[in-house]
Amino acid sequence: MKLTAETTAILKNYAAINQNIQFKQGHSLSTISPQKNILTIAEISEDIPNTFAIYDLNKLLGALSLFDKPSLTVGEKQLTINGNGSELNYVYGDPSMLVLPPDKTLDFPDPEINFKLSKDTYDACIKAAQVLALPELVVHGDGNKIFLVATDTNNDSSDDFRREVGTTDKEFQMVFKIENMKLLSGSYDVGISSKGIAHFSHEHSKLQYWIATEQNSNYNG
């Protein structure tokens, strides 16, 4: 088995969410943050032949980087990586010791807020938050327009940076911590429920995220 560049990029993104991961038999990857406020699922082109767990995904990615075009063999107790005339045996982790997403399909509420989030807008707001040291991204509806805002909701005199992303006849403020906004670069279809869950669906790949909003979020429908 060889990993595509797209799958490798997804794994690098997942490593920033949780160092633990379980590769399940089939064509999908999934992970959940240790705080269980970020869940993500991706469909991949590779066919994973057997289920196995990895304790430190960053370490595995580092091991793969030792090879130019690594080939992976899924064994019973270890992953064998071959390439450049070299071989590396990487031992699996114990699934019972890892933070893993639930096996069952979760039932998420329908969203009341919907908009398209372009890569340019998302990247600009994240960069502004970093430059201005702002801890939050807020999806703000004023009864007319929807904005994505980098700000600090706990500071009345906070700087803010905003981009218009859609229209609405509702008023709301859905708050996300910057540290939870770990989306793979790209454009997304976004749906947010007043019950506190946001769904981000990548426009060009079968990659989805569900991210919890903060307690100071509000929706006036």
N, C-alpha and C. Protein backbone atom coordinates (compact mmCIF):
# COMPACT_ATOMS: atom_id res chain seq x y z
N MET A 1 0.84 -1.19 0.00
CA MET A 1 0.00 0.00 0.00
C MET A 1 0.88 1.25 0.00
N LYS A 2 0.55 2.19 -0.87
CA LYS A 2 1.24 3.47 -0.90
C LYS A 2 0.23 4.59 -0.64
N LEU A 3 0.64 5.59 0.14
CA LEU A 3 -0.24 6.69 0.48
C LEU A 3 -0.14 7.81 -0.55
N THR A 4 -1.28 8.32 -0.99
CA THR A 4 -1.28 9.45 -1.90
C THR A 4 -0.90 10.72 -1.14
N ALA A 5 -0.55 11.76 -1.90
CA ALA A 5 -0.22 13.05 -1.28
C ALA A 5 -1.42 13.61 -0.52
N GLU A 6 -2.63 13.38 -1.05
CA GLU A 6 -3.84 13.87 -0.39
C GLU A 6 -4.05 13.18 0.96
N THR A 7 -3.88 11.86 1.00
CA THR A 7 -4.04 11.13 2.25
C THR A 7 -2.98 11.53 3.26
N THR A 8 -1.75 11.72 2.80
CA THR A 8 -0.67 12.16 3.69
C THR A 8 -1.00 13.53 4.29
N ALA A 9 -1.56 14.43 3.49
CA ALA A 9 -1.94 15.76 3.98
C ALA A 9 -3.04 15.64 5.04
N ILE A 10 -4.00 14.75 4.82
CA ILE A 10 -5.06 14.53 5.81
C ILE A 10 -4.47 13.99 7.11
N LEU A 11 -3.55 13.05 7.02
CA LEU A 11 -2.93 12.49 8.22
C LEU A 11 -2.15 13.55 8.99
N LYS A 12 -1.47 14.44 8.29
CA LYS A 12 -0.75 15.53 8.96
C LYS A 12 -1.74 16.45 9.68
N ASN A 13 -2.87 16.70 9.05
CA ASN A 13 -3.92 17.50 9.68
C ASN A 13 -4.48 16.80 10.90
N TYR A 14 -4.72 15.50 10.79
CA TYR A 14 -5.26 14.72 11.91
C TYR A 14 -4.29 14.67 13.09
N ALA A 15 -3.00 14.65 12.79
CA ALA A 15 -1.99 14.62 13.85
C ALA A 15 -2.05 15.88 14.71
N ALA A 16 -2.51 17.00 14.13
CA ALA A 16 -2.65 18.25 14.89
C ALA A 16 -3.89 18.23 15.77
N ILE A 17 -4.82 17.32 15.49
CA ILE A 17 -6.05 17.20 16.27
C ILE A 17 -5.88 16.19 17.40
N ASN A 18 -5.22 15.08 17.11
CA ASN A 18 -5.02 14.01 18.09
C ASN A 18 -3.83 13.16 17.64
N GLN A 19 -2.88 12.91 18.54
CA GLN A 19 -1.73 12.11 18.15
C GLN A 19 -2.10 10.64 17.98
N ASN A 20 -3.21 10.21 18.56
CA ASN A 20 -3.68 8.83 18.41
C ASN A 20 -4.53 8.69 17.16
N ILE A 21 -4.45 7.52 16.52
CA ILE A 21 -5.35 7.24 15.40
C ILE A 21 -5.49 5.74 15.22
N GLN A 22 -6.66 5.33 14.77
CA GLN A 22 -6.88 3.93 14.40
C GLN A 22 -7.22 3.87 12.91
N PHE A 23 -6.39 3.16 12.17
CA PHE A 23 -6.66 2.91 10.76
C PHE A 23 -7.62 1.73 10.69
N LYS A 24 -8.80 1.95 10.15
CA LYS A 24 -9.79 0.88 10.07
C LYS A 24 -9.82 0.28 8.68
N GLN A 25 -10.11 -1.01 8.63
CA GLN A 25 -10.21 -1.71 7.36
C GLN A 25 -11.21 -0.99 6.45
N GLY A 26 -10.78 -0.73 5.22
CA GLY A 26 -11.66 -0.05 4.28
C GLY A 26 -11.05 1.21 3.71
N HIS A 27 -11.89 2.18 3.40
CA HIS A 27 -11.45 3.38 2.68
C HIS A 27 -11.72 4.67 3.45
N SER A 28 -11.68 4.63 4.77
CA SER A 28 -11.96 5.85 5.52
C SER A 28 -10.98 6.04 6.67
N LEU A 29 -10.81 7.31 7.04
CA LEU A 29 -10.01 7.70 8.20
C LEU A 29 -10.89 8.55 9.10
N SER A 30 -10.64 8.50 10.40
CA SER A 30 -11.40 9.31 11.34
C SER A 30 -10.57 9.58 12.58
N THR A 31 -10.81 10.74 13.20
CA THR A 31 -10.17 11.01 14.48
C THR A 31 -11.04 11.96 15.28
N ILE A 32 -10.76 12.04 16.58
CA ILE A 32 -11.48 12.92 17.49
C ILE A 32 -10.48 13.56 18.43
N SER A 33 -10.70 14.80 18.79
CA SER A 33 -9.76 15.48 19.68
C SER A 33 -9.85 14.89 21.09
N PRO A 34 -8.78 14.99 21.88
CA PRO A 34 -8.83 14.48 23.26
C PRO A 34 -9.97 15.09 24.08
N GLN A 35 -10.33 16.36 23.79
CA GLN A 35 -11.43 17.02 24.49
C GLN A 35 -12.80 16.62 23.91
N LYS A 36 -12.77 15.88 22.81
CA LYS A 36 -13.97 15.38 22.13
C LYS A 36 -14.87 16.51 21.62
N ASN A 37 -14.24 17.64 21.25
CA ASN A 37 -15.00 18.75 20.67
C ASN A 37 -14.72 18.93 19.18
N ILE A 38 -13.89 18.07 18.61
CA ILE A 38 -13.63 18.04 17.17
C ILE A 38 -13.71 16.59 16.70
N LEU A 39 -14.53 16.33 15.71
CA LEU A 39 -14.62 15.01 15.09
C LEU A 39 -14.45 15.19 13.59
N THR A 40 -13.69 14.31 12.96
CA THR A 40 -13.50 14.42 11.52
C THR A 40 -13.46 13.05 10.87
N ILE A 41 -14.00 12.98 9.66
CA ILE A 41 -14.04 11.74 8.88
C ILE A 41 -13.62 12.06 7.45
N ALA A 42 -12.81 11.19 6.86
CA ALA A 42 -12.38 11.38 5.47
C ALA A 42 -12.49 10.06 4.72
N GLU A 43 -12.94 10.14 3.47
CA GLU A 43 -12.90 8.99 2.57
C GLU A 43 -11.62 9.09 1.75
N ILE A 44 -10.88 7.99 1.67
CA ILE A 44 -9.60 7.98 0.97
C ILE A 44 -9.59 6.94 -0.14
N SER A 45 -8.65 7.08 -1.06
CA SER A 45 -8.59 6.15 -2.20
C SER A 45 -7.92 4.83 -1.82
N GLU A 46 -7.05 4.86 -0.81
CA GLU A 46 -6.35 3.64 -0.41
C GLU A 46 -7.31 2.64 0.24
N ASP A 47 -7.03 1.37 0.05
CA ASP A 47 -7.80 0.30 0.69
C ASP A 47 -6.97 -0.25 1.85
N ILE A 48 -7.36 0.09 3.08
CA ILE A 48 -6.64 -0.39 4.26
C ILE A 48 -7.07 -1.83 4.51
N PRO A 49 -6.13 -2.80 4.45
CA PRO A 49 -6.52 -4.21 4.49
C PRO A 49 -6.96 -4.71 5.86
N ASN A 50 -6.41 -4.13 6.93
CA ASN A 50 -6.74 -4.57 8.28
C ASN A 50 -6.75 -3.36 9.22
N THR A 51 -7.44 -3.51 10.35
CA THR A 51 -7.50 -2.45 11.35
C THR A 51 -6.28 -2.49 12.25
N PHE A 52 -5.68 -1.31 12.50
CA PHE A 52 -4.55 -1.22 13.42
C PHE A 52 -4.50 0.17 14.03
N ALA A 53 -3.88 0.28 15.20
CA ALA A 53 -3.85 1.55 15.93
C ALA A 53 -2.42 2.09 16.02
N ILE A 54 -2.32 3.41 16.00
CA ILE A 54 -1.04 4.10 16.12
C ILE A 54 -1.13 5.06 17.30
N TYR A 55 -0.16 4.98 18.21
CA TYR A 55 -0.17 5.86 19.39
C TYR A 55 0.26 7.27 19.04
N ASP A 56 1.33 7.40 18.24
CA ASP A 56 1.89 8.72 17.93
C ASP A 56 1.95 8.90 16.42
N LEU A 57 0.93 9.55 15.87
CA LEU A 57 0.83 9.72 14.43
C LEU A 57 1.96 10.58 13.88
N ASN A 58 2.37 11.60 14.62
CA ASN A 58 3.49 12.43 14.17
C ASN A 58 4.77 11.61 14.02
N LYS A 59 4.96 10.67 14.94
CA LYS A 59 6.14 9.80 14.87
C LYS A 59 6.08 8.92 13.63
N LEU A 60 4.90 8.39 13.33
CA LEU A 60 4.73 7.57 12.13
C LEU A 60 4.99 8.40 10.87
N LEU A 61 4.47 9.62 10.83
CA LEU A 61 4.71 10.48 9.67
C LEU A 61 6.19 10.80 9.52
N GLY A 62 6.87 10.96 10.65
CA GLY A 62 8.32 11.17 10.61
C GLY A 62 9.04 9.95 10.06
N ALA A 63 8.57 8.77 10.44
CA ALA A 63 9.16 7.53 9.92
C ALA A 63 8.96 7.42 8.41
N LEU A 64 7.77 7.79 7.95
CA LEU A 64 7.49 7.74 6.51
C LEU A 64 8.37 8.72 5.74
N SER A 65 8.71 9.84 6.37
CA SER A 65 9.53 10.85 5.70
C SER A 65 10.97 10.40 5.48
N LEU A 66 11.36 9.30 6.11
CA LEU A 66 12.70 8.75 5.90
C LEU A 66 12.83 8.09 4.53
N PHE A 67 11.69 7.87 3.87
CA PHE A 67 11.68 7.17 2.59
C PHE A 67 11.19 8.11 1.48
N ASP A 68 11.68 7.87 0.28
CA ASP A 68 11.28 8.70 -0.86
C ASP A 68 9.85 8.37 -1.29
N LYS A 69 9.59 7.11 -1.63
CA LYS A 69 8.26 6.67 -2.00
C LYS A 69 7.96 5.39 -1.22
N PRO A 70 7.60 5.54 0.07
CA PRO A 70 7.44 4.36 0.92
C PRO A 70 6.28 3.46 0.52
N SER A 71 6.51 2.16 0.69
CA SER A 71 5.48 1.16 0.50
C SER A 71 5.16 0.56 1.87
N LEU A 72 3.88 0.46 2.21
CA LEU A 72 3.46 0.01 3.53
C LEU A 72 2.82 -1.38 3.44
N THR A 73 3.24 -2.25 4.35
CA THR A 73 2.64 -3.57 4.48
C THR A 73 2.04 -3.69 5.87
N VAL A 74 0.74 -3.95 5.94
CA VAL A 74 0.04 -4.03 7.21
C VAL A 74 0.13 -5.46 7.74
N GLY A 75 0.94 -5.64 8.79
CA GLY A 75 1.09 -6.94 9.40
C GLY A 75 0.19 -7.12 10.60
N GLU A 76 0.38 -8.22 11.32
CA GLU A 76 -0.48 -8.51 12.46
C GLU A 76 -0.16 -7.61 13.65
N LYS A 77 1.14 -7.36 13.88
CA LYS A 77 1.55 -6.58 15.05
C LYS A 77 2.33 -5.32 14.71
N GLN A 78 2.67 -5.17 13.44
CA GLN A 78 3.48 -4.02 13.06
C GLN A 78 3.24 -3.63 11.62
N LEU A 79 3.57 -2.37 11.34
CA LEU A 79 3.52 -1.83 9.99
C LEU A 79 4.93 -1.85 9.43
N THR A 80 5.11 -2.49 8.29
CA THR A 80 6.43 -2.56 7.66
C THR A 80 6.50 -1.55 6.53
N ILE A 81 7.51 -0.68 6.61
CA ILE A 81 7.70 0.38 5.62
C ILE A 81 8.95 0.06 4.82
N ASN A 82 8.81 0.01 3.50
CA ASN A 82 9.94 -0.29 2.62
C ASN A 82 10.16 0.83 1.62
N GLY A 83 11.43 1.00 1.24
CA GLY A 83 11.78 1.99 0.23
C GLY A 83 13.25 2.30 0.26
N ASN A 84 13.80 2.67 -0.89
CA ASN A 84 15.22 3.04 -0.98
C ASN A 84 16.16 1.94 -0.49
N GLY A 85 15.73 0.68 -0.62
CA GLY A 85 16.55 -0.42 -0.15
C GLY A 85 16.56 -0.60 1.35
N SER A 86 15.68 0.12 2.06
CA SER A 86 15.61 0.04 3.52
C SER A 86 14.25 -0.49 3.97
N GLU A 87 14.21 -0.98 5.20
CA GLU A 87 12.97 -1.48 5.79
C GLU A 87 12.85 -1.00 7.22
N LEU A 88 11.65 -0.58 7.60
CA LEU A 88 11.39 -0.11 8.96
C LEU A 88 10.14 -0.81 9.48
N ASN A 89 10.24 -1.39 10.67
CA ASN A 89 9.09 -2.03 11.30
C ASN A 89 8.56 -1.13 12.41
N TYR A 90 7.32 -0.70 12.27
CA TYR A 90 6.70 0.24 13.21
C TYR A 90 5.60 -0.50 13.98
N VAL A 91 5.79 -0.64 15.30
CA VAL A 91 4.89 -1.45 16.13
C VAL A 91 3.60 -0.69 16.42
N TYR A 92 2.47 -1.40 16.39
CA TYR A 92 1.16 -0.80 16.63
C TYR A 92 0.99 -0.41 18.10
N GLY A 93 0.03 0.48 18.35
CA GLY A 93 -0.35 0.85 19.70
C GLY A 93 -1.51 -0.01 20.19
N ASP A 94 -1.80 0.10 21.48
CA ASP A 94 -2.91 -0.63 22.09
C ASP A 94 -4.17 0.24 22.00
N PRO A 95 -5.18 -0.17 21.23
CA PRO A 95 -6.37 0.67 21.05
C PRO A 95 -7.05 1.06 22.36
N SER A 96 -6.97 0.18 23.37
CA SER A 96 -7.64 0.46 24.64
C SER A 96 -7.00 1.63 25.40
N MET A 97 -5.79 2.02 24.99
CA MET A 97 -5.07 3.11 25.65
C MET A 97 -5.18 4.42 24.89
N LEU A 98 -5.91 4.42 23.77
CA LEU A 98 -5.95 5.59 22.90
C LEU A 98 -7.30 6.30 22.96
N VAL A 99 -7.30 7.59 22.62
CA VAL A 99 -8.54 8.35 22.47
C VAL A 99 -8.99 8.22 21.02
N LEU A 100 -10.08 7.49 20.80
CA LEU A 100 -10.54 7.17 19.45
C LEU A 100 -12.00 7.59 19.27
N PRO A 101 -12.41 7.90 18.04
CA PRO A 101 -13.81 8.27 17.79
C PRO A 101 -14.73 7.08 18.02
N PRO A 102 -16.02 7.34 18.29
CA PRO A 102 -16.96 6.24 18.51
C PRO A 102 -17.16 5.40 17.26
N ASP A 103 -17.45 4.13 17.47
CA ASP A 103 -17.70 3.23 16.34
C ASP A 103 -19.04 3.50 15.67
N LYS A 104 -20.02 3.90 16.47
CA LYS A 104 -21.36 4.11 15.93
C LYS A 104 -21.46 5.45 15.20
N THR A 105 -22.38 5.52 14.27
CA THR A 105 -22.64 6.77 13.55
C THR A 105 -23.43 7.71 14.46
N LEU A 106 -22.92 8.93 14.62
CA LEU A 106 -23.57 9.89 15.50
C LEU A 106 -24.67 10.65 14.75
N ASP A 107 -25.70 11.02 15.47
CA ASP A 107 -26.83 11.75 14.89
C ASP A 107 -26.69 13.22 15.26
N PHE A 108 -26.37 14.06 14.26
CA PHE A 108 -26.16 15.48 14.52
C PHE A 108 -27.40 16.27 14.13
N PRO A 109 -27.69 17.36 14.86
CA PRO A 109 -28.88 18.17 14.56
C PRO A 109 -28.76 18.90 13.23
N ASP A 110 -29.90 19.21 12.62
CA ASP A 110 -29.91 19.96 11.37
C ASP A 110 -29.46 21.40 11.62
N PRO A 111 -28.71 21.97 10.69
CA PRO A 111 -28.22 23.35 10.87
C PRO A 111 -29.26 24.40 10.50
N GLU A 112 -29.28 25.50 11.26
CA GLU A 112 -30.10 26.65 10.89
C GLU A 112 -29.30 27.69 10.12
N ILE A 113 -27.98 27.62 10.22
CA ILE A 113 -27.09 28.59 9.58
C ILE A 113 -26.30 27.87 8.50
N ASN A 114 -26.32 28.39 7.28
CA ASN A 114 -25.60 27.76 6.17
C ASN A 114 -24.90 28.82 5.33
N PHE A 115 -23.67 28.54 4.94
CA PHE A 115 -22.94 29.44 4.04
C PHE A 115 -21.74 28.70 3.46
N LYS A 116 -21.17 29.29 2.42
CA LYS A 116 -19.95 28.76 1.82
C LYS A 116 -18.75 29.55 2.35
N LEU A 117 -17.73 28.84 2.76
CA LEU A 117 -16.52 29.45 3.30
C LEU A 117 -15.37 29.20 2.33
N SER A 118 -14.91 30.26 1.68
CA SER A 118 -13.82 30.10 0.71
C SER A 118 -12.48 29.94 1.42
N LYS A 119 -11.56 29.31 0.75
CA LYS A 119 -10.20 29.15 1.28
C LYS A 119 -9.59 30.51 1.60
N ASP A 120 -9.78 31.47 0.71
CA ASP A 120 -9.20 32.80 0.89
C ASP A 120 -9.73 33.47 2.15
N THR A 121 -11.05 33.39 2.37
CA THR A 121 -11.65 34.01 3.55
C THR A 121 -11.18 33.34 4.83
N TYR A 122 -11.19 32.01 4.84
CA TYR A 122 -10.75 31.28 6.04
C TYR A 122 -9.29 31.59 6.36
N ASP A 123 -8.43 31.52 5.35
CA ASP A 123 -7.00 31.78 5.57
C ASP A 123 -6.78 33.21 6.06
N ALA A 124 -7.53 34.18 5.49
CA ALA A 124 -7.37 35.58 5.88
C ALA A 124 -7.77 35.80 7.34
N CYS A 125 -8.86 35.18 7.77
CA CYS A 125 -9.33 35.35 9.15
C CYS A 125 -8.40 34.67 10.14
N ILE A 126 -7.89 33.50 9.79
CA ILE A 126 -6.93 32.81 10.66
C ILE A 126 -5.65 33.63 10.78
N LYS A 127 -5.16 34.17 9.67
CA LYS A 127 -3.95 34.99 9.69
C LYS A 127 -4.15 36.24 10.53
N ALA A 128 -5.31 36.88 10.38
CA ALA A 128 -5.61 38.08 11.17
C ALA A 128 -5.65 37.76 12.66
N ALA A 129 -6.24 36.62 13.01
CA ALA A 129 -6.28 36.21 14.41
C ALA A 129 -4.88 36.02 14.97
N GLN A 130 -4.00 35.45 14.16
CA GLN A 130 -2.62 35.24 14.60
C GLN A 130 -1.87 36.56 14.75
N VAL A 131 -2.01 37.45 13.76
CA VAL A 131 -1.31 38.74 13.78
C VAL A 131 -1.79 39.61 14.94
N LEU A 132 -3.10 39.61 15.20
CA LEU A 132 -3.69 40.46 16.23
C LEU A 132 -3.82 39.76 17.58
N ALA A 133 -3.34 38.51 17.65
CA ALA A 133 -3.41 37.71 18.89
C ALA A 133 -4.85 37.61 19.41
N LEU A 134 -5.76 37.26 18.51
CA LEU A 134 -7.17 37.11 18.84
C LEU A 134 -7.50 35.64 19.04
N PRO A 135 -8.21 35.28 20.11
CA PRO A 135 -8.39 33.87 20.46
C PRO A 135 -9.57 33.16 19.82
N GLU A 136 -10.43 33.91 19.09
CA GLU A 136 -11.67 33.28 18.63
C GLU A 136 -12.02 33.64 17.19
N LEU A 137 -12.75 32.74 16.55
CA LEU A 137 -13.45 33.03 15.30
C LEU A 137 -14.94 32.97 15.61
N VAL A 138 -15.67 33.98 15.16
CA VAL A 138 -17.11 34.06 15.42
C VAL A 138 -17.87 34.13 14.10
N VAL A 139 -18.89 33.29 13.97
CA VAL A 139 -19.83 33.42 12.86
C VAL A 139 -20.97 34.29 13.38
N HIS A 140 -21.04 35.51 12.84
CA HIS A 140 -21.96 36.52 13.36
C HIS A 140 -23.04 36.86 12.34
N GLY A 141 -24.29 36.76 12.77
CA GLY A 141 -25.41 37.16 11.93
C GLY A 141 -26.10 38.36 12.54
N ASP A 142 -26.30 39.42 11.74
CA ASP A 142 -26.90 40.66 12.27
C ASP A 142 -28.34 40.86 11.80
N GLY A 143 -28.95 39.80 11.27
CA GLY A 143 -30.30 39.90 10.73
C GLY A 143 -30.33 40.26 9.27
N ASN A 144 -29.16 40.46 8.70
CA ASN A 144 -29.05 40.82 7.29
C ASN A 144 -27.92 40.05 6.62
N LYS A 145 -26.73 40.15 7.19
CA LYS A 145 -25.55 39.50 6.63
C LYS A 145 -24.90 38.56 7.65
N ILE A 146 -24.12 37.61 7.12
CA ILE A 146 -23.32 36.72 7.95
C ILE A 146 -21.86 37.09 7.77
N PHE A 147 -21.14 37.22 8.88
CA PHE A 147 -19.72 37.56 8.85
C PHE A 147 -18.92 36.48 9.58
N LEU A 148 -17.70 36.24 9.11
CA LEU A 148 -16.72 35.48 9.86
C LEU A 148 -15.79 36.50 10.49
N VAL A 149 -15.68 36.47 11.82
CA VAL A 149 -14.98 37.53 12.55
C VAL A 149 -13.89 36.92 13.43
N ALA A 150 -12.68 37.43 13.30
CA ALA A 150 -11.61 37.12 14.24
C ALA A 150 -11.68 38.15 15.35
N THR A 151 -11.84 37.73 16.61
CA THR A 151 -12.07 38.68 17.69
C THR A 151 -11.80 38.03 19.05
N ASP A 152 -12.09 38.79 20.11
CA ASP A 152 -12.05 38.28 21.48
C ASP A 152 -13.36 38.68 22.13
N THR A 153 -14.27 37.75 22.28
CA THR A 153 -15.61 38.07 22.79
C THR A 153 -15.60 38.44 24.27
N ASN A 154 -14.51 38.18 24.96
CA ASN A 154 -14.41 38.53 26.38
C ASN A 154 -13.80 39.91 26.61
N ASN A 155 -13.53 40.62 25.53
CA ASN A 155 -12.90 41.94 25.62
C ASN A 155 -13.72 42.93 24.78
N ASP A 156 -14.43 43.83 25.46
CA ASP A 156 -15.30 44.79 24.76
C ASP A 156 -14.52 45.75 23.86
N SER A 157 -13.23 45.93 24.13
CA SER A 157 -12.42 46.84 23.32
C SER A 157 -11.48 46.07 22.38
N SER A 158 -11.85 44.82 22.08
CA SER A 158 -11.02 43.97 21.23
C SER A 158 -10.96 44.48 19.79
N ASP A 159 -9.79 44.32 19.18
CA ASP A 159 -9.70 44.48 17.73
C ASP A 159 -10.55 43.38 17.09
N ASP A 160 -10.98 43.60 15.85
CA ASP A 160 -11.60 42.50 15.12
C ASP A 160 -11.35 42.65 13.63
N PHE A 161 -11.40 41.51 12.95
CA PHE A 161 -11.22 41.44 11.50
C PHE A 161 -12.36 40.60 10.98
N ARG A 162 -13.06 41.09 9.94
CA ARG A 162 -14.24 40.36 9.49
C ARG A 162 -14.33 40.28 7.97
N ARG A 163 -14.97 39.22 7.52
CA ARG A 163 -15.29 39.03 6.10
C ARG A 163 -16.76 38.60 6.00
N GLU A 164 -17.47 39.18 5.03
CA GLU A 164 -18.83 38.75 4.79
C GLU A 164 -18.83 37.40 4.09
N VAL A 165 -19.71 36.47 4.57
CA VAL A 165 -19.73 35.13 3.99
C VAL A 165 -21.13 34.70 3.53
N GLY A 166 -22.16 35.50 3.84
CA GLY A 166 -23.49 35.09 3.43
C GLY A 166 -24.55 36.06 3.90
N THR A 167 -25.82 35.66 3.75
CA THR A 167 -26.95 36.48 4.19
C THR A 167 -27.83 35.67 5.13
N THR A 168 -28.60 36.39 5.97
CA THR A 168 -29.48 35.74 6.94
C THR A 168 -30.55 36.72 7.40
N ASP A 169 -31.68 36.21 7.87
CA ASP A 169 -32.67 37.07 8.51
C ASP A 169 -32.70 36.81 10.02
N LYS A 170 -31.69 36.10 10.52
CA LYS A 170 -31.59 35.78 11.94
C LYS A 170 -30.43 36.54 12.57
N GLU A 171 -30.45 36.58 13.90
CA GLU A 171 -29.34 37.17 14.65
C GLU A 171 -28.69 36.07 15.49
N PHE A 172 -27.38 35.98 15.41
CA PHE A 172 -26.67 34.93 16.14
C PHE A 172 -25.19 35.28 16.29
N GLN A 173 -24.58 34.59 17.22
CA GLN A 173 -23.13 34.69 17.44
C GLN A 173 -22.64 33.30 17.82
N MET A 174 -22.02 32.61 16.89
CA MET A 174 -21.52 31.26 17.13
C MET A 174 -20.00 31.34 17.27
N VAL A 175 -19.53 31.01 18.45
CA VAL A 175 -18.13 31.27 18.82
C VAL A 175 -17.31 29.98 18.77
N PHE A 176 -16.13 30.08 18.17
CA PHE A 176 -15.18 28.97 18.10
C PHE A 176 -13.82 29.43 18.60
N LYS A 177 -13.17 28.60 19.39
CA LYS A 177 -11.79 28.88 19.77
C LYS A 177 -10.89 28.65 18.56
N ILE A 178 -9.95 29.57 18.36
CA ILE A 178 -9.00 29.42 17.25
C ILE A 178 -8.30 28.07 17.32
N GLU A 179 -7.98 27.61 18.52
CA GLU A 179 -7.24 26.36 18.68
C GLU A 179 -8.03 25.15 18.19
N ASN A 180 -9.34 25.30 18.05
CA ASN A 180 -10.17 24.20 17.55
C ASN A 180 -10.40 24.25 16.04
N MET A 181 -9.98 25.34 15.41
CA MET A 181 -10.20 25.51 13.96
C MET A 181 -9.03 24.91 13.19
N LYS A 182 -9.01 23.59 13.15
CA LYS A 182 -7.89 22.87 12.54
C LYS A 182 -8.33 22.21 11.24
N LEU A 183 -8.87 23.03 10.36
CA LEU A 183 -9.34 22.53 9.07
C LEU A 183 -8.18 22.41 8.09
N LEU A 184 -8.19 21.36 7.30
CA LEU A 184 -7.25 21.26 6.19
C LEU A 184 -7.55 22.40 5.21
N SER A 185 -6.52 22.99 4.66
CA SER A 185 -6.68 24.13 3.77
C SER A 185 -7.65 23.81 2.63
N GLY A 186 -8.56 24.74 2.35
CA GLY A 186 -9.52 24.54 1.28
C GLY A 186 -10.79 25.33 1.51
N SER A 187 -11.76 25.15 0.63
CA SER A 187 -13.07 25.79 0.75
C SER A 187 -14.07 24.79 1.31
N TYR A 188 -15.06 25.29 2.07
CA TYR A 188 -15.98 24.41 2.77
C TYR A 188 -17.43 24.88 2.66
N ASP A 189 -18.34 23.92 2.62
CA ASP A 189 -19.75 24.19 2.86
C ASP A 189 -19.97 24.06 4.36
N VAL A 190 -20.53 25.10 4.97
CA VAL A 190 -20.65 25.14 6.43
C VAL A 190 -22.11 25.14 6.84
N GLY A 191 -22.43 24.32 7.83
CA GLY A 191 -23.74 24.33 8.46
C GLY A 191 -23.57 24.34 9.96
N ILE A 192 -24.26 25.25 10.64
CA ILE A 192 -24.13 25.37 12.10
C ILE A 192 -25.50 25.24 12.74
N SER A 193 -25.59 24.38 13.74
CA SER A 193 -26.83 24.19 14.48
C SER A 193 -26.84 25.09 15.72
N SER A 194 -28.02 25.59 16.06
CA SER A 194 -28.17 26.38 17.28
C SER A 194 -27.90 25.55 18.52
N LYS A 195 -27.85 24.23 18.37
CA LYS A 195 -27.58 23.34 19.49
C LYS A 195 -26.09 23.21 19.79
N GLY A 196 -25.26 23.91 18.97
CA GLY A 196 -23.84 24.00 19.33
C GLY A 196 -22.89 23.13 18.54
N ILE A 197 -23.30 22.69 17.36
CA ILE A 197 -22.42 21.87 16.52
C ILE A 197 -22.34 22.48 15.12
N ALA A 198 -21.11 22.61 14.62
CA ALA A 198 -20.89 23.10 13.26
C ALA A 198 -20.34 21.98 12.39
N HIS A 199 -20.81 21.93 11.16
CA HIS A 199 -20.36 20.92 10.20
C HIS A 199 -19.65 21.61 9.05
N PHE A 200 -18.42 21.17 8.76
CA PHE A 200 -17.62 21.71 7.67
C PHE A 200 -17.36 20.58 6.67
N SER A 201 -17.81 20.76 5.43
CA SER A 201 -17.64 19.75 4.39
C SER A 201 -16.76 20.31 3.29
N HIS A 202 -15.59 19.69 3.07
CA HIS A 202 -14.63 20.17 2.08
C HIS A 202 -15.25 20.10 0.68
N GLU A 203 -15.06 21.16 -0.10
CA GLU A 203 -15.71 21.23 -1.42
C GLU A 203 -15.11 20.27 -2.44
N HIS A 204 -13.84 19.92 -2.28
CA HIS A 204 -13.16 19.17 -3.34
C HIS A 204 -12.68 17.78 -2.91
N SER A 205 -12.98 17.37 -1.70
CA SER A 205 -12.64 16.01 -1.26
C SER A 205 -13.68 15.56 -0.24
N LYS A 206 -13.73 14.26 0.01
CA LYS A 206 -14.72 13.72 0.94
C LYS A 206 -14.17 13.79 2.36
N LEU A 207 -14.06 15.03 2.84
CA LEU A 207 -13.49 15.32 4.15
C LEU A 207 -14.48 16.18 4.93
N GLN A 208 -14.81 15.74 6.15
CA GLN A 208 -15.79 16.45 6.97
C GLN A 208 -15.28 16.65 8.39
N TYR A 209 -15.68 17.78 8.97
CA TYR A 209 -15.38 18.07 10.38
C TYR A 209 -16.66 18.48 11.09
N TRP A 210 -16.77 18.08 12.35
CA TRP A 210 -17.80 18.59 13.25
C TRP A 210 -17.09 19.24 14.43
N ILE A 211 -17.37 20.51 14.67
CA ILE A 211 -16.67 21.26 15.72
C ILE A 211 -17.70 21.90 16.64
N ALA A 212 -17.49 21.75 17.96
CA ALA A 212 -18.42 22.31 18.94
C ALA A 212 -18.21 23.82 19.08
N THR A 213 -19.32 24.54 19.24
CA THR A 213 -19.24 25.97 19.53
C THR A 213 -19.01 26.17 21.03
N GLU A 214 -18.62 27.39 21.40
CA GLU A 214 -18.36 27.71 22.80
C GLU A 214 -19.67 28.07 23.52
N GLN A 215 -19.63 28.04 24.85
CA GLN A 215 -20.84 28.22 25.66
C GLN A 215 -21.44 29.62 25.53
N ASN A 216 -20.62 30.61 25.17
CA ASN A 216 -21.16 31.97 25.04
C ASN A 216 -21.76 32.23 23.66
N SER A 217 -21.95 31.18 22.88
CA SER A 217 -22.65 31.32 21.60
C SER A 217 -24.14 31.56 21.85
N ASN A 218 -24.80 32.22 20.91
CA ASN A 218 -26.24 32.43 21.04
C ASN A 218 -26.89 32.51 19.67
N TYR A 219 -28.15 32.11 19.62
CA TYR A 219 -28.92 32.11 18.37
C TYR A 219 -30.33 32.60 18.66
N ASN A 220 -30.73 33.66 17.97
CA ASN A 220 -32.08 34.20 18.13
C ASN A 220 -32.86 33.94 16.85
N GLY A 221 -33.54 32.78 16.82
CA GLY A 221 -34.25 32.39 15.62
C GLY A 221 -35.69 32.85 15.62
